[in-house]
Structure formats: C-alpha cells, structure tokens
C-alpha cells in the first residue's frame, strides 16, 4: 500500500484534476492547494469523481508565511506546482501580477521546502513550451535556448532556472516538466482550443452564430492532458531529478485544429480572405461561422512550437497515447453534450 502524501497547487485546474485522480489511483493521500477565490470551482474534480477524496488546503502563492505553514503541517512527500496565471494574452495586461505568481510564487515554495525539509520533499515545477517562444531550433529540445515572447513565458523562465538553482545549490529534488500544449474536455474556456470546441457546440445547437479567433496560422504541438500528468508523476519517481520535455512531436496550426473540430461537430468549412481577415463558411448551410479579428491578435506572437520528447521516452518510458484527432473528437463530443444539457 502506498502511504505517500502529495500536495498539488492549482488543484481546481485541468492538470490538477487529472493529476489528483492519477495519484489517488496510485494510493496517495492527496492535498489540493487552492486560492480561496477558487473554492466554488470544483467542477473538474467532481466530474472525475475525486472531489470527496481530496483534502483541500487554502494556499496563497503571494504569501510566504501561508506556504510555509501549509508545507510544515502537511509535510508532503511530493509537491506538484501547477498553479499559475496561465493565460498568455492576460499576461500582457497583468505583467506584474503574472510575475509575482508565476516567478516569485515558485521562489516562495522552494524556499519553504528548503526551510522545512529540503531532502525529504520532491518538487515538480510546471514549465511550458512558451519559454522557447521565438525558438532557435526546430524541434525544441531540453537544450534549446529560451526566447519567451510574453510576460507569461518570461515568468516561467525565471521559475525554471530557480528550480534548477535550488537543485544544484541546496540538493532539492526539483524537476521541471517543459510541457507543450495539452488539452482535454476540462480545459478552461479562456484557451483557444476549448473556445473553439465549445463555441462550435453552441453554434451547432443554435445558441451562437459566430466564432471569432486571432491568429489561426500559429502552430502548436498539442497533446492530451491525461497523458501529460502521467509524465509529471514519472519525473518525481526518478532517483535523480532532471528536466524533461513532454510533447507529441507533431505540430498543427490553429486552423487545422479548428477544421478537425468543425468536422466533429458536422460542419464543413470553406475559407475566404477579405481585407486581411479569414472567414470560414459552412458549405452545407452557407452561413459564416468563423471569422478572424485583429483585436484578438497578441502583441508578440509565437509562430510555431514543436517538441522533442525523446529524453522522456528514453529515461521515463513516457509517450503520449491519444492522437490529435482523438483529442479533438473527445473535446467536441463533451462540449456538444454540455451545451445540450445547459440549454434544457
């Protein structure tokens, strides 16, 4: 019987919910750290059937004393830091807040670990492919230099290197997971993938007429969140901490993701470009259902991300199981059901 204890920050998010289920299935006692403003957002945990099995812990990344007391009281074997201001677009509007949460929040956790029990607690830091930004090579590897293109990406570079520094300076078992985009039916509506699948479901059920998007030619390496949290867990099971990329090894444009989603929702898109804007029309009904908008473009765009997860495959035995078409179909089916039920 596994008697290990884990603390997950960002427990109410997509990754937190999937990771909580995985750890509970592995026999862990799971503590979920949450901001007090997130107490009503337990829907993902409830849908996965794990809400009642988790010990919820008020946890504020902006307050060191709260972090220290929580870690002292729980004394987890493993800490997974998934909490962040994670919206790239929002980070341009809230750069200081983003930095305080994503960068200094990690500093507070690492310092608390060092104070409490540096050798006894294993730490996972959720890093991101957005750190590569204007990437110097393709595909991106663990050795690829970082060139972030948003305050979000910059803040994550800080937390990445601080985790490495505490590992080297204080012997903390700290690992960075550089995860490329990973989606699921539990992705927040603020993210473009879920915005696509949910809005198409609304259009299919007659509750909305139009989906507006920004740069549909940006390319990303997309995978399934359920596969990626397994990689997080595997990192902390290693005797030696290290940093790993988790990625599908394929890159697809937002347009391609949209076309897969439209097909799953039984739309058939044809495209026209007018005044620099793309317009997508459903060939069957003749209605315009997609349009790009300059208002949704980012000040500095990351054009393409493509990850090489061969290190994780070799050292962790990790590989993704769910393909992009399977993932998109899963998300569309879920949102068609949700919108149908909400409309009753």
Protein backbone atom coordinates (compact mmCIF):
# COMPACT_ATOMS: atom_id res chain seq x y z
CA UNK A 1 0.00 0.00 0.00
CA UNK A 2 1.35 3.41 -0.97
CA UNK A 3 1.35 5.74 2.04
CA UNK A 4 2.84 8.70 0.22
CA UNK A 5 1.35 12.15 0.57
CA UNK A 6 1.20 14.69 -2.27
CA UNK A 7 0.36 18.39 -2.36
CA UNK A 8 -0.94 19.76 -5.67
CA UNK A 9 -1.20 23.51 -6.20
CA UNK A 10 -3.74 24.55 -8.83
CA UNK A 11 -5.88 21.55 -7.88
CA UNK A 12 -9.02 23.06 -9.43
CA UNK A 13 -7.47 23.35 -12.91
CA UNK A 14 -7.40 20.84 -15.75
CA UNK A 15 -3.99 19.37 -14.89
CA UNK A 16 -4.64 19.42 -11.16
CA UNK A 17 -7.81 17.38 -11.54
CA UNK A 18 -6.24 14.77 -13.81
CA UNK A 19 -3.14 14.52 -11.61
CA UNK A 20 -5.24 14.17 -8.46
CA UNK A 21 -7.09 11.23 -10.00
CA UNK A 22 -3.84 9.57 -11.07
CA UNK A 23 -2.27 9.96 -7.63
CA UNK A 24 -5.36 8.69 -5.84
CA UNK A 25 -5.36 5.66 -8.14
CA UNK A 26 -1.70 5.13 -7.14
CA UNK A 27 -2.68 5.12 -3.47
CA UNK A 28 -1.53 8.60 -2.45
CA UNK A 29 -3.10 10.79 0.18
CA UNK A 30 -3.77 13.94 -1.86
CA UNK A 31 -3.90 17.51 -0.59
CA UNK A 32 -5.22 20.11 -3.01
CA UNK A 33 -3.92 23.65 -2.59
CA UNK A 34 -6.36 26.30 -3.79
CA UNK A 35 -6.90 30.03 -3.66
CA UNK A 36 -9.88 30.99 -1.52
CA UNK A 37 -11.46 32.58 -4.59
CA UNK A 38 -11.43 29.13 -6.27
CA UNK A 39 -13.45 27.26 -3.65
CA UNK A 40 -16.54 27.16 -5.85
CA UNK A 41 -14.62 25.82 -8.85
CA UNK A 42 -14.52 22.12 -8.01
CA UNK A 43 -16.41 21.03 -11.14
CA UNK A 44 -13.50 19.20 -12.77
CA UNK A 45 -12.74 17.25 -9.59
CA UNK A 46 -16.41 16.39 -9.20
CA UNK A 47 -16.79 15.21 -12.80
CA UNK A 48 -13.73 12.97 -12.38
CA UNK A 49 -15.24 11.59 -9.16
CA UNK A 50 -12.36 12.58 -6.86
CA UNK A 51 -13.57 15.74 -5.09
CA UNK A 52 -14.53 13.94 -1.88
CA UNK A 53 -11.19 12.08 -1.68
CA UNK A 54 -9.00 15.20 -1.61
CA UNK A 55 -8.03 17.28 1.42
CA UNK A 56 -8.47 20.90 0.35
CA UNK A 57 -5.85 23.32 1.67
CA UNK A 58 -6.11 27.15 1.44
CA UNK A 59 -2.86 28.20 -0.23
CA UNK A 60 -1.77 31.60 -1.47
CA UNK A 61 1.27 31.86 -3.73
CA UNK A 62 1.66 35.54 -2.83
CA UNK A 63 2.05 34.87 0.90
CA UNK A 64 5.21 33.09 2.12
CA UNK A 65 4.02 32.51 5.69
CA UNK A 66 0.91 30.69 4.44
CA UNK A 67 3.01 28.48 2.14
CA UNK A 68 5.48 27.70 4.91
CA UNK A 69 2.80 26.78 7.45
CA UNK A 70 0.97 24.57 4.95
CA UNK A 71 4.10 22.64 3.99
CA UNK A 72 5.13 22.28 7.64
CA UNK A 73 1.69 20.95 8.61
CA UNK A 74 1.16 18.58 5.66
CA UNK A 75 4.82 17.63 5.16
CA UNK A 76 4.14 16.05 1.76
CA UNK A 77 6.49 13.61 0.07
CA UNK A 78 5.84 15.32 -3.26
CA UNK A 79 4.73 18.81 -4.28
CA UNK A 80 3.39 19.46 -7.77
CA UNK A 81 3.24 23.20 -8.51
CA UNK A 82 0.63 23.58 -11.24
CA UNK A 83 -0.75 26.93 -10.05
CA UNK A 84 -0.08 29.95 -12.24
CA UNK A 85 -1.51 32.95 -14.00
CA UNK A 86 -1.54 30.80 -17.11
CA UNK A 87 -3.24 32.91 -19.78
CA UNK A 88 -0.65 34.21 -22.23
CA UNK A 89 -2.84 37.05 -23.51
CA UNK A 90 -3.75 38.17 -19.99
CA UNK A 91 -0.07 38.34 -19.05
CA UNK A 92 0.37 41.37 -21.32
CA UNK A 93 -2.34 43.15 -19.34
CA UNK A 94 -1.14 41.90 -15.92
CA UNK A 95 2.65 41.53 -16.24
CA UNK A 96 3.47 42.36 -12.61
CA UNK A 97 0.81 40.08 -11.14
CA UNK A 98 1.85 37.32 -13.56
CA UNK A 99 5.46 37.66 -12.43
CA UNK A 100 4.55 37.68 -8.74
CA UNK A 101 2.51 34.48 -9.04
CA UNK A 102 4.49 32.53 -11.62
CA UNK A 103 8.03 33.56 -10.69
CA UNK A 104 8.13 34.71 -7.08
CA UNK A 105 5.41 32.21 -6.13
CA UNK A 106 7.81 29.43 -7.09
CA UNK A 107 10.60 31.13 -5.12
CA UNK A 108 8.38 31.10 -2.04
CA UNK A 109 7.59 27.39 -2.40
CA UNK A 110 11.22 26.41 -2.99
CA UNK A 111 12.39 28.46 -0.02
CA UNK A 112 9.71 26.87 2.17
CA UNK A 113 10.87 23.41 1.07
CA UNK A 114 14.46 24.36 1.89
CA UNK A 115 13.44 25.61 5.34
CA UNK A 116 11.19 22.66 6.20
CA UNK A 117 12.95 19.60 4.78
CA UNK A 118 14.99 20.05 1.65
CA UNK A 119 15.96 16.38 1.28
CA UNK A 120 12.56 14.85 2.03
CA UNK A 121 10.23 16.67 -0.37
CA UNK A 122 10.31 16.14 -4.11
CA UNK A 123 9.21 19.13 -6.18
CA UNK A 124 7.69 19.33 -9.66
CA UNK A 125 7.56 22.70 -11.43
CA UNK A 126 5.14 23.10 -14.32
CA UNK A 127 7.25 24.75 -17.01
CA UNK A 128 5.99 25.46 -20.51
CA UNK A 129 6.88 25.43 -24.19
CA UNK A 130 6.07 29.16 -24.21
CA UNK A 131 9.56 29.64 -22.73
CA UNK A 132 11.01 28.79 -26.15
CA UNK A 133 8.93 31.49 -27.85
CA UNK A 134 10.95 32.60 -30.86
CA UNK A 135 12.68 29.24 -30.93
CA UNK A 136 16.27 28.96 -32.14
CA UNK A 137 15.79 25.43 -33.48
CA UNK A 138 13.11 23.01 -34.59
CA UNK A 139 12.12 20.82 -32.86
CA UNK A 140 12.73 22.23 -29.40
CA UNK A 141 14.77 20.10 -27.00
CA UNK A 142 15.79 20.45 -23.36
CA UNK A 143 18.98 22.17 -24.60
CA UNK A 144 17.22 24.71 -26.85
CA UNK A 145 17.79 28.31 -25.66
CA UNK A 146 14.77 30.14 -24.29
CA UNK A 147 13.41 33.24 -26.04
CA UNK A 148 9.99 33.93 -24.46
CA UNK A 149 7.56 36.23 -26.26
CA UNK A 150 5.19 37.14 -23.41
CA UNK A 151 5.34 38.13 -19.73
CA UNK A 152 3.91 34.67 -19.05
CA UNK A 153 6.81 32.99 -20.84
CA UNK A 154 9.35 35.25 -19.12
CA UNK A 155 7.94 34.43 -15.67
CA UNK A 156 8.15 30.73 -16.41
CA UNK A 157 11.80 31.03 -17.47
CA UNK A 158 12.56 32.51 -14.03
CA UNK A 159 10.79 29.66 -12.20
CA UNK A 160 12.53 27.08 -14.40
CA UNK A 161 16.01 28.36 -13.60
CA UNK A 162 15.21 28.88 -9.93
CA UNK A 163 14.17 25.22 -9.68
CA UNK A 164 17.48 24.24 -11.30
CA UNK A 165 19.34 26.57 -8.93
CA UNK A 166 17.75 25.15 -5.76
CA UNK A 167 18.50 21.66 -7.06
CA UNK A 168 22.16 22.48 -7.59
CA UNK A 169 22.69 24.78 -4.61
CA UNK A 170 20.67 23.01 -1.91
CA UNK A 171 20.21 19.45 -3.17
CA UNK A 172 16.45 19.75 -3.52
CA UNK A 173 14.86 17.01 -5.65
CA UNK A 174 13.34 19.51 -8.09
CA UNK A 175 12.34 18.71 -11.67
CA UNK A 176 10.93 20.88 -14.45
CA UNK A 177 8.36 19.48 -16.83
CA UNK A 178 8.51 21.53 -20.04
CA UNK A 179 5.07 20.66 -21.30
CA UNK A 180 3.89 21.56 -24.75
CA UNK A 181 0.21 22.39 -25.21
CA UNK A 182 -2.02 19.77 -23.64
CA UNK A 183 -5.78 19.88 -23.83
CA UNK A 184 -8.87 18.00 -22.68
CA UNK A 185 -12.62 18.45 -22.17
CA UNK A 186 -11.64 20.13 -18.87
CA UNK A 187 -9.53 22.86 -20.48
CA UNK A 188 -10.64 26.36 -19.49
CA UNK A 189 -12.81 28.30 -21.91
CA UNK A 190 -10.15 31.04 -22.00
CA UNK A 191 -7.86 28.78 -24.06
CA UNK A 192 -8.24 28.81 -27.83
CA UNK A 193 -8.77 25.04 -28.19
CA UNK A 194 -11.67 24.92 -25.76
CA UNK A 195 -13.03 28.20 -27.09
CA UNK A 196 -13.19 26.51 -30.49
CA UNK A 197 -14.89 23.30 -29.38
CA UNK A 198 -17.35 24.98 -27.03
CA UNK A 199 -18.36 27.76 -29.43
CA UNK A 200 -18.85 25.29 -32.29
CA UNK A 201 -21.11 23.29 -29.98
CA UNK A 202 -23.08 26.45 -29.24
CA UNK A 203 -23.39 27.17 -32.98
CA UNK A 204 -24.47 23.58 -33.65
CA UNK A 205 -27.24 23.91 -31.02
CA UNK A 206 -28.36 27.33 -32.31
CA UNK A 207 -27.15 29.28 -29.26
CA UNK A 208 -24.50 31.33 -31.05
CA UNK A 209 -23.83 32.43 -34.62
CA UNK A 210 -20.10 33.15 -34.85
CA UNK A 211 -16.70 32.04 -33.57
CA UNK A 212 -14.08 34.83 -33.55
CA UNK A 213 -10.38 33.96 -33.39
CA UNK A 214 -6.99 35.66 -33.63
CA UNK A 215 -4.04 34.17 -35.50
CA UNK A 216 -5.27 30.85 -36.91
CA UNK A 217 -1.95 30.17 -38.63
CA UNK A 218 0.03 29.86 -35.37
CA UNK A 219 1.26 26.28 -34.95
CA UNK A 220 1.38 24.28 -31.74
CA UNK A 221 2.32 20.81 -30.54
CA UNK A 222 -0.90 19.54 -28.92
CA UNK A 223 -1.47 16.52 -26.71
CA UNK A 224 -3.93 15.10 -24.18
CA UNK A 225 -3.64 16.33 -20.58
CA UNK A 226 -4.35 12.88 -19.17
CA UNK A 227 -1.20 11.58 -20.86
CA UNK A 228 0.91 14.51 -19.69
CA UNK A 229 0.13 14.30 -15.95
CA UNK A 230 1.44 10.73 -16.05
CA UNK A 231 4.73 12.21 -17.25
CA UNK A 232 4.75 14.65 -14.33
CA UNK A 233 4.38 11.81 -11.87
CA UNK A 234 7.10 9.74 -13.55
CA UNK A 235 9.57 12.62 -13.16
CA UNK A 236 9.25 12.55 -9.38
CA UNK A 237 9.68 8.76 -9.25
CA UNK A 238 13.26 9.04 -10.54
CA UNK A 239 16.19 8.80 -8.13
CA UNK A 240 17.85 11.79 -9.78
CA UNK A 241 15.89 15.00 -10.52
CA UNK A 242 16.05 16.36 -14.04
CA UNK A 243 14.18 18.44 -16.62
CA UNK A 244 12.08 16.88 -19.37
CA UNK A 245 10.06 17.94 -22.38
CA UNK A 246 6.65 16.31 -22.81
CA UNK A 247 5.30 16.72 -26.34
CA UNK A 248 3.55 14.84 -29.13
CA UNK A 249 6.30 15.54 -31.69
CA UNK A 250 3.75 16.90 -34.17
CA UNK A 251 2.84 20.50 -34.95
CA UNK A 252 -0.52 21.68 -36.25
CA UNK A 253 -1.99 25.12 -36.89
CA UNK A 254 -4.97 26.56 -35.05
CA UNK A 255 -6.72 26.35 -38.42
CA UNK A 256 -6.10 22.59 -38.56
CA UNK A 257 -7.40 22.15 -35.00
CA UNK A 258 -10.46 24.20 -35.95
CA UNK A 259 -11.12 22.14 -39.08
CA UNK A 260 -10.93 18.88 -37.11
CA UNK A 261 -13.32 20.31 -34.53
CA UNK A 262 -15.70 21.60 -37.19
CA UNK A 263 -15.81 18.19 -38.84
CA UNK A 264 -16.50 16.51 -35.49
CA UNK A 265 -19.38 18.98 -34.98
CA UNK A 266 -20.63 18.19 -38.52
CA UNK A 267 -19.62 21.46 -40.14
CA UNK A 268 -17.67 21.64 -43.42
CA UNK A 269 -15.62 24.81 -43.71
CA UNK A 270 -14.58 26.72 -46.79
CA UNK A 271 -12.26 29.72 -46.43
CA UNK A 272 -12.07 33.20 -47.93
CA UNK A 273 -9.72 36.06 -47.08
CA UNK A 274 -11.15 39.58 -47.13
CA UNK A 275 -9.28 42.72 -46.03
CA UNK A 276 -6.68 40.56 -44.32
CA UNK A 277 -9.29 38.63 -42.33
CA UNK A 278 -10.16 34.98 -42.75
CA UNK A 279 -13.82 33.99 -42.98
CA UNK A 280 -14.97 30.39 -42.59
CA UNK A 281 -18.30 29.37 -44.11
CA UNK A 282 -20.17 26.15 -43.54
CA UNK A 283 -20.66 24.74 -47.03
CA UNK A 284 -23.84 22.90 -46.09
CA UNK A 285 -25.78 25.86 -44.65
CA UNK A 286 -23.93 28.69 -46.42
CA UNK A 287 -23.56 30.53 -43.08
CA UNK A 288 -20.39 32.26 -41.94
CA UNK A 289 -19.50 30.64 -38.63
CA UNK A 290 -15.82 31.65 -38.18
CA UNK A 291 -14.04 34.99 -38.56
CA UNK A 292 -10.62 36.24 -37.51
CA UNK A 293 -10.27 39.55 -35.69
CA UNK A 294 -7.27 41.87 -35.34
CA UNK A 295 -8.46 42.62 -31.78
CA UNK A 296 -7.59 39.05 -30.80
CA UNK A 297 -4.01 39.15 -32.09
CA UNK A 298 -1.21 39.13 -29.48
CA UNK A 299 1.38 41.95 -29.38
CA UNK A 300 4.14 39.36 -29.91
CA UNK A 301 3.14 36.02 -31.39
CA UNK A 302 4.84 32.66 -31.08
CA UNK A 303 4.57 31.35 -34.63
CA UNK A 304 5.39 27.67 -34.11
CA UNK A 305 6.25 25.22 -31.34
CA UNK A 306 7.32 21.61 -31.83
CA UNK A 307 8.73 19.46 -29.05
CA UNK A 308 11.17 16.54 -28.99
CA UNK A 309 10.23 14.26 -26.08
CA UNK A 310 12.85 11.59 -26.81
CA UNK A 311 14.57 12.16 -23.45
CA UNK A 312 11.30 11.45 -21.60
CA UNK A 313 10.74 8.38 -23.77
CA UNK A 314 14.21 7.02 -23.02
CA UNK A 315 14.55 7.87 -19.32
CA UNK A 316 10.93 7.83 -18.13
CA UNK A 317 9.39 5.36 -20.56
CA UNK A 318 6.80 8.03 -21.37
CA UNK A 319 4.94 8.54 -24.62
CA UNK A 320 1.54 10.06 -25.42
CA UNK A 321 -1.26 7.65 -26.27
CA UNK A 322 -4.04 9.96 -27.54
CA UNK A 323 -3.68 11.42 -31.06
CA UNK A 324 -4.83 14.93 -32.01
CA UNK A 325 -7.91 13.76 -33.97
CA UNK A 326 -8.92 11.58 -30.99
CA UNK A 327 -8.39 14.50 -28.61
CA UNK A 328 -10.41 16.95 -30.72
CA UNK A 329 -13.27 14.45 -31.14
CA UNK A 330 -13.27 13.88 -27.36
CA UNK A 331 -13.48 17.62 -26.66
CA UNK A 332 -16.21 18.29 -29.24
CA UNK A 333 -18.33 15.37 -28.05
CA UNK A 334 -18.06 16.59 -24.47
CA UNK A 335 -18.98 20.17 -25.35
CA UNK A 336 -21.91 19.13 -27.54
CA UNK A 337 -23.26 17.25 -24.53
CA UNK A 338 -22.59 20.12 -22.12
CA UNK A 339 -24.24 22.75 -24.32
CA UNK A 340 -27.23 20.47 -24.93
CA UNK A 341 -27.68 19.93 -21.19
CA UNK A 342 -27.21 23.62 -20.38
CA UNK A 343 -29.88 24.53 -22.93
CA UNK A 344 -32.54 22.33 -21.41
